[in-house]
Amino acid sequence: MTSATLYRMVLPDHVCPFGVRAKEALEQAGYDVDDRILATREQVDAFKAEHGVDTTPQVFIDGERIGGSDDLARWLSRNG
């Protein structure tokens, strides 16, 4: 089974719906998901700065950054 790493925001007062959608899409496509929760605003901001991205979630498959949930949907439609 191919694995994917998903970084998504789950704050005490907000669960990002795009992260939930990305996790479900990966699982439906048969991926083993390494679900990395960003649980504070500081963790989210540090992740975005480290990876040079503006949004979460971010999906990585085989070490390659696929992108957010819309990018993942396009990638799965081409590679799924």
N, C-alpha and C. Protein backbone atom coordinates (compact mmCIF):
# COMPACT_ATOMS: atom_id res chain seq x y z
N MET A 1 0.85 -1.19 0.00
CA MET A 1 0.00 0.00 0.00
C MET A 1 0.89 1.24 0.00
N THR A 2 0.56 2.18 -0.84
CA THR A 2 1.30 3.43 -0.90
C THR A 2 0.87 4.32 0.26
N SER A 3 1.84 5.03 0.80
CA SER A 3 1.50 5.91 1.90
C SER A 3 1.54 7.37 1.46
N ALA A 4 0.77 8.17 2.16
CA ALA A 4 0.73 9.61 1.93
C ALA A 4 0.84 10.30 3.28
N THR A 5 1.50 11.43 3.30
CA THR A 5 1.58 12.23 4.52
C THR A 5 0.69 13.44 4.34
N LEU A 6 -0.19 13.63 5.31
CA LEU A 6 -1.15 14.73 5.27
C LEU A 6 -0.92 15.63 6.47
N TYR A 7 -0.65 16.89 6.21
CA TYR A 7 -0.55 17.89 7.28
C TYR A 7 -1.83 18.70 7.24
N ARG A 8 -2.57 18.69 8.37
CA ARG A 8 -3.84 19.42 8.38
C ARG A 8 -4.07 20.09 9.71
N MET A 9 -4.89 21.14 9.67
CA MET A 9 -5.16 21.96 10.84
C MET A 9 -6.36 21.40 11.61
N VAL A 10 -6.11 21.12 12.89
CA VAL A 10 -7.18 20.73 13.80
C VAL A 10 -6.97 21.54 15.07
N LEU A 11 -7.58 22.72 15.12
CA LEU A 11 -7.46 23.60 16.27
C LEU A 11 -8.60 23.31 17.25
N PRO A 12 -8.45 23.72 18.51
CA PRO A 12 -9.51 23.45 19.48
C PRO A 12 -10.89 23.96 19.05
N ASP A 13 -10.92 25.08 18.32
CA ASP A 13 -12.20 25.67 17.93
C ASP A 13 -12.49 25.54 16.43
N HIS A 14 -11.64 24.80 15.70
CA HIS A 14 -11.85 24.72 14.24
C HIS A 14 -11.14 23.50 13.66
N VAL A 15 -11.90 22.66 12.98
CA VAL A 15 -11.32 21.56 12.21
C VAL A 15 -11.47 21.93 10.74
N CYS A 16 -10.34 22.03 10.06
CA CYS A 16 -10.37 22.45 8.65
C CYS A 16 -11.11 21.42 7.80
N PRO A 17 -12.21 21.82 7.15
CA PRO A 17 -12.97 20.87 6.33
C PRO A 17 -12.19 20.37 5.12
N PHE A 18 -11.23 21.17 4.62
CA PHE A 18 -10.43 20.75 3.48
C PHE A 18 -9.49 19.62 3.87
N GLY A 19 -8.99 19.67 5.11
CA GLY A 19 -8.14 18.59 5.61
C GLY A 19 -8.92 17.30 5.75
N VAL A 20 -10.16 17.41 6.24
CA VAL A 20 -11.02 16.23 6.36
C VAL A 20 -11.28 15.64 4.98
N ARG A 21 -11.56 16.50 4.01
CA ARG A 21 -11.83 16.06 2.64
C ARG A 21 -10.61 15.37 2.03
N ALA A 22 -9.43 15.94 2.26
CA ALA A 22 -8.20 15.35 1.72
C ALA A 22 -7.95 13.97 2.34
N LYS A 23 -8.16 13.84 3.64
CA LYS A 23 -7.95 12.55 4.31
C LYS A 23 -8.90 11.50 3.75
N GLU A 24 -10.15 11.87 3.60
CA GLU A 24 -11.14 10.93 3.06
C GLU A 24 -10.79 10.52 1.63
N ALA A 25 -10.36 11.48 0.81
CA ALA A 25 -10.01 11.18 -0.58
C ALA A 25 -8.83 10.21 -0.65
N LEU A 26 -7.83 10.44 0.19
CA LEU A 26 -6.67 9.55 0.21
C LEU A 26 -7.06 8.15 0.64
N GLU A 27 -7.87 8.05 1.69
CA GLU A 27 -8.29 6.75 2.18
C GLU A 27 -9.12 6.01 1.13
N GLN A 28 -10.02 6.73 0.45
CA GLN A 28 -10.84 6.11 -0.58
C GLN A 28 -10.00 5.63 -1.75
N ALA A 29 -8.87 6.32 -2.00
CA ALA A 29 -7.99 5.93 -3.09
C ALA A 29 -7.02 4.81 -2.67
N GLY A 30 -7.13 4.37 -1.42
CA GLY A 30 -6.33 3.24 -0.96
C GLY A 30 -4.99 3.58 -0.35
N TYR A 31 -4.78 4.84 0.01
CA TYR A 31 -3.52 5.24 0.61
C TYR A 31 -3.54 5.00 2.11
N ASP A 32 -2.38 4.64 2.65
CA ASP A 32 -2.15 4.58 4.08
C ASP A 32 -1.77 6.00 4.48
N VAL A 33 -2.60 6.68 5.28
CA VAL A 33 -2.42 8.10 5.56
C VAL A 33 -1.68 8.31 6.88
N ASP A 34 -0.53 8.98 6.79
CA ASP A 34 0.19 9.45 7.97
C ASP A 34 -0.39 10.83 8.27
N ASP A 35 -1.33 10.88 9.21
CA ASP A 35 -2.12 12.09 9.49
C ASP A 35 -1.39 12.94 10.52
N ARG A 36 -0.78 14.01 10.04
CA ARG A 36 -0.01 14.91 10.93
C ARG A 36 -0.88 16.12 11.27
N ILE A 37 -1.28 16.17 12.52
CA ILE A 37 -2.18 17.23 12.98
C ILE A 37 -1.37 18.46 13.38
N LEU A 38 -1.78 19.61 12.86
CA LEU A 38 -1.25 20.91 13.28
C LEU A 38 -2.27 21.48 14.27
N ALA A 39 -1.93 21.44 15.57
CA ALA A 39 -2.94 21.66 16.61
C ALA A 39 -2.97 23.07 17.18
N THR A 40 -2.03 23.92 16.76
CA THR A 40 -2.03 25.30 17.24
C THR A 40 -1.79 26.23 16.05
N ARG A 41 -2.18 27.46 16.22
CA ARG A 41 -1.93 28.46 15.16
C ARG A 41 -0.43 28.58 14.92
N GLU A 42 0.38 28.48 15.96
CA GLU A 42 1.83 28.57 15.82
C GLU A 42 2.36 27.41 14.97
N GLN A 43 1.85 26.20 15.18
CA GLN A 43 2.29 25.06 14.38
C GLN A 43 1.89 25.25 12.91
N VAL A 44 0.69 25.75 12.69
CA VAL A 44 0.22 26.00 11.31
C VAL A 44 1.12 27.02 10.64
N ASP A 45 1.38 28.14 11.33
CA ASP A 45 2.20 29.20 10.74
C ASP A 45 3.63 28.72 10.48
N ALA A 46 4.20 27.94 11.40
CA ALA A 46 5.56 27.42 11.23
C ALA A 46 5.62 26.45 10.05
N PHE A 47 4.61 25.60 9.92
CA PHE A 47 4.57 24.66 8.80
C PHE A 47 4.51 25.41 7.47
N LYS A 48 3.62 26.40 7.38
CA LYS A 48 3.47 27.16 6.14
C LYS A 48 4.76 27.88 5.78
N ALA A 49 5.43 28.45 6.78
CA ALA A 49 6.70 29.15 6.52
C ALA A 49 7.78 28.16 6.08
N GLU A 50 7.86 27.01 6.73
CA GLU A 50 8.89 26.02 6.41
C GLU A 50 8.74 25.48 4.99
N HIS A 51 7.50 25.29 4.55
CA HIS A 51 7.26 24.68 3.24
C HIS A 51 6.94 25.70 2.15
N GLY A 52 6.86 26.98 2.52
CA GLY A 52 6.61 28.02 1.52
C GLY A 52 5.23 27.93 0.90
N VAL A 53 4.24 27.58 1.72
CA VAL A 53 2.86 27.46 1.23
C VAL A 53 1.97 28.44 1.99
N ASP A 54 0.82 28.75 1.40
CA ASP A 54 -0.11 29.70 1.99
C ASP A 54 -1.26 29.03 2.72
N THR A 55 -1.47 27.74 2.47
CA THR A 55 -2.65 27.08 3.01
C THR A 55 -2.32 25.68 3.54
N THR A 56 -3.19 25.22 4.39
CA THR A 56 -3.21 23.80 4.76
C THR A 56 -4.61 23.33 4.41
N PRO A 57 -4.78 22.07 4.12
CA PRO A 57 -3.83 20.98 4.26
C PRO A 57 -2.81 20.96 3.13
N GLN A 58 -1.75 20.17 3.37
CA GLN A 58 -0.77 19.87 2.33
C GLN A 58 -0.55 18.37 2.33
N VAL A 59 -0.53 17.79 1.14
CA VAL A 59 -0.38 16.35 0.97
C VAL A 59 0.96 16.06 0.29
N PHE A 60 1.66 15.06 0.81
CA PHE A 60 2.91 14.58 0.23
C PHE A 60 2.76 13.10 -0.08
N ILE A 61 3.10 12.69 -1.29
CA ILE A 61 3.08 11.28 -1.68
C ILE A 61 4.45 10.95 -2.24
N ASP A 62 5.08 9.92 -1.67
CA ASP A 62 6.44 9.52 -2.07
C ASP A 62 7.40 10.70 -2.01
N GLY A 63 7.25 11.54 -0.98
CA GLY A 63 8.16 12.67 -0.80
C GLY A 63 7.87 13.87 -1.67
N GLU A 64 6.91 13.77 -2.57
CA GLU A 64 6.55 14.87 -3.48
C GLU A 64 5.35 15.62 -2.91
N ARG A 65 5.48 16.96 -2.86
CA ARG A 65 4.33 17.75 -2.39
C ARG A 65 3.30 17.82 -3.50
N ILE A 66 2.11 17.31 -3.21
CA ILE A 66 1.01 17.34 -4.16
C ILE A 66 0.27 18.66 -4.06
N GLY A 67 0.07 19.14 -2.83
CA GLY A 67 -0.61 20.41 -2.59
C GLY A 67 -1.79 20.23 -1.68
N GLY A 68 -2.77 21.12 -1.82
CA GLY A 68 -3.95 21.10 -0.98
C GLY A 68 -5.02 20.16 -1.49
N SER A 69 -6.22 20.28 -0.95
CA SER A 69 -7.28 19.31 -1.27
C SER A 69 -7.70 19.38 -2.75
N ASP A 70 -7.78 20.58 -3.33
CA ASP A 70 -8.12 20.69 -4.75
C ASP A 70 -7.01 20.11 -5.62
N ASP A 71 -5.76 20.40 -5.26
CA ASP A 71 -4.61 19.84 -6.00
C ASP A 71 -4.63 18.32 -5.90
N LEU A 72 -4.94 17.81 -4.71
CA LEU A 72 -4.99 16.36 -4.52
C LEU A 72 -6.06 15.74 -5.40
N ALA A 73 -7.23 16.37 -5.47
CA ALA A 73 -8.32 15.82 -6.30
C ALA A 73 -7.88 15.73 -7.76
N ARG A 74 -7.21 16.78 -8.26
CA ARG A 74 -6.72 16.76 -9.65
C ARG A 74 -5.66 15.68 -9.81
N TRP A 75 -4.74 15.56 -8.84
CA TRP A 75 -3.66 14.57 -8.91
C TRP A 75 -4.25 13.16 -8.91
N LEU A 76 -5.21 12.89 -8.03
CA LEU A 76 -5.82 11.56 -7.97
C LEU A 76 -6.57 11.23 -9.27
N SER A 77 -7.18 12.23 -9.89
CA SER A 77 -7.92 11.96 -11.13
C SER A 77 -6.96 11.59 -12.27
N ARG A 78 -5.73 12.09 -12.21
CA ARG A 78 -4.72 11.76 -13.23
C ARG A 78 -3.93 10.51 -12.88
N ASN A 79 -3.72 10.26 -11.59
CA ASN A 79 -2.82 9.19 -11.16
C ASN A 79 -3.51 8.07 -10.38
N GLY A 80 -4.79 8.25 -10.12
CA GLY A 80 -5.50 7.30 -9.27
C GLY A 80 -5.82 6.04 -9.96
